[in-house]
Amino acid sequence: MKKDIHPDYQEVIFHDTSSDFKFKTRSTVKTKETITWEDGKQYPLVKVEVSSASHPFFTGKKLFVDTAGRVEKFQKKYQKKS
């Protein structure tokens, strides 16, 4: 294998901001934020909006998503110009 061509594969903390759920895994994602984990070590922090702790498929709960703002933005962006 060639050296220095693979991304850095490291332990990372993912934080689901909607449910305040955190988990440690390995990833190649780059981030500037860090967090001190339960073991006292510093790890890179990646904030996500949806994880298995908040996704309706895994929780069985329906999640209200504000689509009105998205639809209005789309219509405004792609409306026919006269």
N, C-alpha and C. Protein backbone atom coordinates (compact mmCIF):
# COMPACT_ATOMS: atom_id res chain seq x y z
N MET A 1 0.82 -1.18 0.00
CA MET A 1 0.00 0.00 0.00
C MET A 1 0.87 1.25 0.00
N LYS A 2 0.41 2.28 -0.69
CA LYS A 2 1.14 3.54 -0.70
C LYS A 2 0.96 4.26 0.63
N LYS A 3 2.00 4.92 1.05
CA LYS A 3 1.95 5.67 2.31
C LYS A 3 1.42 7.08 2.06
N ASP A 4 0.82 7.64 3.09
CA ASP A 4 0.37 9.03 3.11
C ASP A 4 -0.71 9.37 2.09
N ILE A 5 -1.51 8.38 1.64
CA ILE A 5 -2.60 8.70 0.72
C ILE A 5 -3.96 8.47 1.38
N HIS A 6 -3.99 7.83 2.54
CA HIS A 6 -5.24 7.52 3.20
C HIS A 6 -5.59 8.60 4.23
N PRO A 7 -6.89 8.88 4.38
CA PRO A 7 -7.27 9.88 5.38
C PRO A 7 -7.02 9.37 6.80
N ASP A 8 -6.91 10.29 7.72
CA ASP A 8 -6.65 9.97 9.12
C ASP A 8 -7.91 9.36 9.74
N TYR A 9 -7.86 8.10 10.14
CA TYR A 9 -8.98 7.37 10.73
C TYR A 9 -8.81 7.39 12.23
N GLN A 10 -9.69 8.13 12.93
CA GLN A 10 -9.49 8.34 14.35
C GLN A 10 -10.81 8.20 15.11
N GLU A 11 -10.72 8.12 16.43
CA GLU A 11 -11.91 8.08 17.26
C GLU A 11 -12.52 9.47 17.33
N VAL A 12 -13.86 9.53 17.18
CA VAL A 12 -14.59 10.79 17.12
C VAL A 12 -15.85 10.66 17.96
N ILE A 13 -16.29 11.75 18.57
CA ILE A 13 -17.55 11.79 19.30
C ILE A 13 -18.60 12.45 18.40
N PHE A 14 -19.73 11.78 18.19
CA PHE A 14 -20.86 12.36 17.47
C PHE A 14 -21.89 12.78 18.49
N HIS A 15 -22.40 14.01 18.36
CA HIS A 15 -23.38 14.56 19.30
C HIS A 15 -24.67 14.86 18.53
N ASP A 16 -25.74 14.14 18.86
CA ASP A 16 -27.05 14.40 18.29
C ASP A 16 -27.65 15.57 19.06
N THR A 17 -27.72 16.73 18.42
CA THR A 17 -28.15 17.94 19.10
C THR A 17 -29.64 17.94 19.43
N SER A 18 -30.45 17.17 18.69
CA SER A 18 -31.88 17.18 18.96
C SER A 18 -32.26 16.32 20.17
N SER A 19 -31.46 15.31 20.49
CA SER A 19 -31.78 14.45 21.64
C SER A 19 -30.69 14.46 22.71
N ASP A 20 -29.65 15.24 22.50
CA ASP A 20 -28.51 15.33 23.42
C ASP A 20 -27.89 13.96 23.69
N PHE A 21 -27.79 13.15 22.64
CA PHE A 21 -27.20 11.81 22.71
C PHE A 21 -25.81 11.87 22.10
N LYS A 22 -24.82 11.31 22.80
CA LYS A 22 -23.44 11.31 22.31
C LYS A 22 -22.94 9.87 22.23
N PHE A 23 -22.16 9.59 21.19
CA PHE A 23 -21.54 8.27 21.08
C PHE A 23 -20.17 8.39 20.42
N LYS A 24 -19.31 7.44 20.79
CA LYS A 24 -17.94 7.43 20.28
C LYS A 24 -17.81 6.34 19.22
N THR A 25 -17.19 6.71 18.12
CA THR A 25 -16.93 5.76 17.04
C THR A 25 -15.68 6.23 16.31
N ARG A 26 -15.35 5.56 15.23
CA ARG A 26 -14.19 5.94 14.43
C ARG A 26 -14.66 6.51 13.11
N SER A 27 -13.95 7.54 12.64
CA SER A 27 -14.35 8.22 11.41
C SER A 27 -13.16 8.95 10.81
N THR A 28 -13.30 9.37 9.56
CA THR A 28 -12.28 10.17 8.89
C THR A 28 -12.69 11.64 8.81
N VAL A 29 -13.83 11.98 9.40
CA VAL A 29 -14.35 13.34 9.33
C VAL A 29 -13.40 14.31 10.05
N LYS A 30 -13.28 15.51 9.50
CA LYS A 30 -12.42 16.55 10.07
C LYS A 30 -13.30 17.57 10.80
N THR A 31 -12.88 18.00 11.97
CA THR A 31 -13.61 19.01 12.73
C THR A 31 -12.64 19.79 13.60
N LYS A 32 -13.02 21.02 13.93
CA LYS A 32 -12.17 21.86 14.78
C LYS A 32 -12.59 21.79 16.24
N GLU A 33 -13.83 21.34 16.50
CA GLU A 33 -14.32 21.26 17.88
C GLU A 33 -13.83 19.99 18.56
N THR A 34 -13.62 20.07 19.87
CA THR A 34 -13.23 18.91 20.64
C THR A 34 -14.10 18.83 21.90
N ILE A 35 -14.09 17.65 22.51
CA ILE A 35 -14.85 17.41 23.73
C ILE A 35 -14.07 16.43 24.59
N THR A 36 -14.20 16.56 25.90
CA THR A 36 -13.60 15.60 26.82
C THR A 36 -14.63 14.51 27.08
N TRP A 37 -14.27 13.28 26.77
CA TRP A 37 -15.17 12.14 26.89
C TRP A 37 -15.12 11.57 28.30
N GLU A 38 -15.93 10.57 28.59
CA GLU A 38 -16.03 9.96 29.91
C GLU A 38 -14.72 9.38 30.41
N ASP A 39 -13.84 9.00 29.50
CA ASP A 39 -12.56 8.43 29.90
C ASP A 39 -11.49 9.50 30.18
N GLY A 40 -11.87 10.78 30.08
CA GLY A 40 -10.96 11.88 30.37
C GLY A 40 -10.10 12.33 29.21
N LYS A 41 -10.21 11.69 28.06
CA LYS A 41 -9.42 12.05 26.89
C LYS A 41 -10.18 13.04 26.01
N GLN A 42 -9.43 13.83 25.24
CA GLN A 42 -10.01 14.78 24.29
C GLN A 42 -10.23 14.09 22.95
N TYR A 43 -11.42 14.29 22.36
CA TYR A 43 -11.75 13.73 21.05
C TYR A 43 -12.36 14.81 20.18
N PRO A 44 -12.22 14.71 18.87
CA PRO A 44 -12.92 15.63 17.97
C PRO A 44 -14.43 15.46 18.13
N LEU A 45 -15.18 16.55 18.00
CA LEU A 45 -16.63 16.54 18.17
C LEU A 45 -17.32 16.88 16.86
N VAL A 46 -18.29 16.05 16.46
CA VAL A 46 -19.09 16.30 15.27
C VAL A 46 -20.54 16.39 15.71
N LYS A 47 -21.19 17.52 15.41
CA LYS A 47 -22.59 17.70 15.78
C LYS A 47 -23.47 17.31 14.60
N VAL A 48 -24.49 16.47 14.88
CA VAL A 48 -25.44 16.04 13.87
C VAL A 48 -26.85 16.33 14.36
N GLU A 49 -27.79 16.46 13.43
CA GLU A 49 -29.17 16.76 13.81
C GLU A 49 -29.99 15.50 14.04
N VAL A 50 -29.63 14.40 13.37
CA VAL A 50 -30.41 13.17 13.47
C VAL A 50 -29.47 11.99 13.68
N SER A 51 -29.80 11.14 14.63
CA SER A 51 -29.08 9.88 14.84
C SER A 51 -30.12 8.82 15.18
N SER A 52 -29.67 7.65 15.56
CA SER A 52 -30.61 6.59 15.92
C SER A 52 -31.41 6.95 17.16
N ALA A 53 -30.92 7.88 17.97
CA ALA A 53 -31.62 8.29 19.18
C ALA A 53 -32.78 9.23 18.89
N SER A 54 -32.79 9.86 17.71
CA SER A 54 -33.85 10.82 17.41
C SER A 54 -34.59 10.52 16.11
N HIS A 55 -34.13 9.57 15.31
CA HIS A 55 -34.78 9.28 14.04
C HIS A 55 -36.09 8.52 14.27
N PRO A 56 -37.18 8.92 13.61
CA PRO A 56 -38.48 8.27 13.83
C PRO A 56 -38.48 6.77 13.57
N PHE A 57 -37.69 6.29 12.64
CA PHE A 57 -37.65 4.86 12.36
C PHE A 57 -37.19 4.06 13.57
N PHE A 58 -36.19 4.57 14.28
CA PHE A 58 -35.64 3.86 15.43
C PHE A 58 -36.39 4.14 16.73
N THR A 59 -36.99 5.33 16.86
CA THR A 59 -37.68 5.68 18.10
C THR A 59 -39.15 5.30 18.09
N GLY A 60 -39.74 5.18 16.90
CA GLY A 60 -41.17 4.88 16.80
C GLY A 60 -42.04 6.09 17.01
N LYS A 61 -41.46 7.24 17.18
CA LYS A 61 -42.20 8.48 17.37
C LYS A 61 -42.19 9.28 16.08
N LYS A 62 -43.27 10.00 15.85
CA LYS A 62 -43.31 10.87 14.69
C LYS A 62 -42.61 12.17 15.02
N LEU A 63 -41.84 12.66 14.07
CA LEU A 63 -41.06 13.87 14.26
C LEU A 63 -41.59 14.93 13.32
N PHE A 64 -41.96 16.09 13.85
CA PHE A 64 -42.44 17.19 13.03
C PHE A 64 -41.26 17.93 12.45
N VAL A 65 -41.22 18.03 11.14
CA VAL A 65 -40.16 18.75 10.46
C VAL A 65 -40.78 19.95 9.77
N ASP A 66 -40.23 21.12 10.00
CA ASP A 66 -40.75 22.35 9.41
C ASP A 66 -40.38 22.40 7.94
N THR A 67 -41.33 22.01 7.08
CA THR A 67 -41.07 22.03 5.64
C THR A 67 -41.60 23.28 4.99
N ALA A 68 -42.45 24.04 5.67
CA ALA A 68 -43.01 25.24 5.07
C ALA A 68 -41.92 26.22 4.69
N GLY A 69 -40.97 26.42 5.55
CA GLY A 69 -39.87 27.33 5.24
C GLY A 69 -39.04 26.84 4.07
N ARG A 70 -38.84 25.55 3.97
CA ARG A 70 -38.06 24.99 2.87
C ARG A 70 -38.78 25.15 1.54
N VAL A 71 -40.10 24.92 1.55
CA VAL A 71 -40.89 25.05 0.33
C VAL A 71 -40.89 26.49 -0.14
N GLU A 72 -41.07 27.43 0.77
CA GLU A 72 -41.07 28.84 0.41
C GLU A 72 -39.72 29.27 -0.15
N LYS A 73 -38.64 28.79 0.43
CA LYS A 73 -37.31 29.11 -0.08
C LYS A 73 -37.14 28.57 -1.50
N PHE A 74 -37.60 27.33 -1.72
CA PHE A 74 -37.49 26.72 -3.04
C PHE A 74 -38.28 27.52 -4.07
N GLN A 75 -39.53 27.86 -3.72
CA GLN A 75 -40.36 28.60 -4.65
C GLN A 75 -39.79 29.98 -4.94
N LYS A 76 -39.24 30.63 -3.93
CA LYS A 76 -38.64 31.95 -4.12
C LYS A 76 -37.41 31.86 -5.01
N LYS A 77 -36.63 30.83 -4.80
CA LYS A 77 -35.38 30.67 -5.55
C LYS A 77 -35.64 30.34 -7.02
N TYR A 78 -36.64 29.49 -7.28
CA TYR A 78 -36.87 29.00 -8.64
C TYR A 78 -38.13 29.56 -9.28
N GLN A 79 -38.67 30.66 -8.75
CA GLN A 79 -39.87 31.21 -9.37
C GLN A 79 -39.54 31.78 -10.74
N LYS A 80 -40.55 31.79 -11.59
CA LYS A 80 -40.37 32.26 -12.95
C LYS A 80 -40.15 33.76 -12.94
N LYS A 81 -39.07 34.19 -13.54
CA LYS A 81 -38.76 35.61 -13.61
C LYS A 81 -39.41 36.22 -14.85
N SER A 82 -40.08 37.35 -14.65
CA SER A 82 -40.75 37.97 -15.79
C SER A 82 -40.13 39.27 -16.19
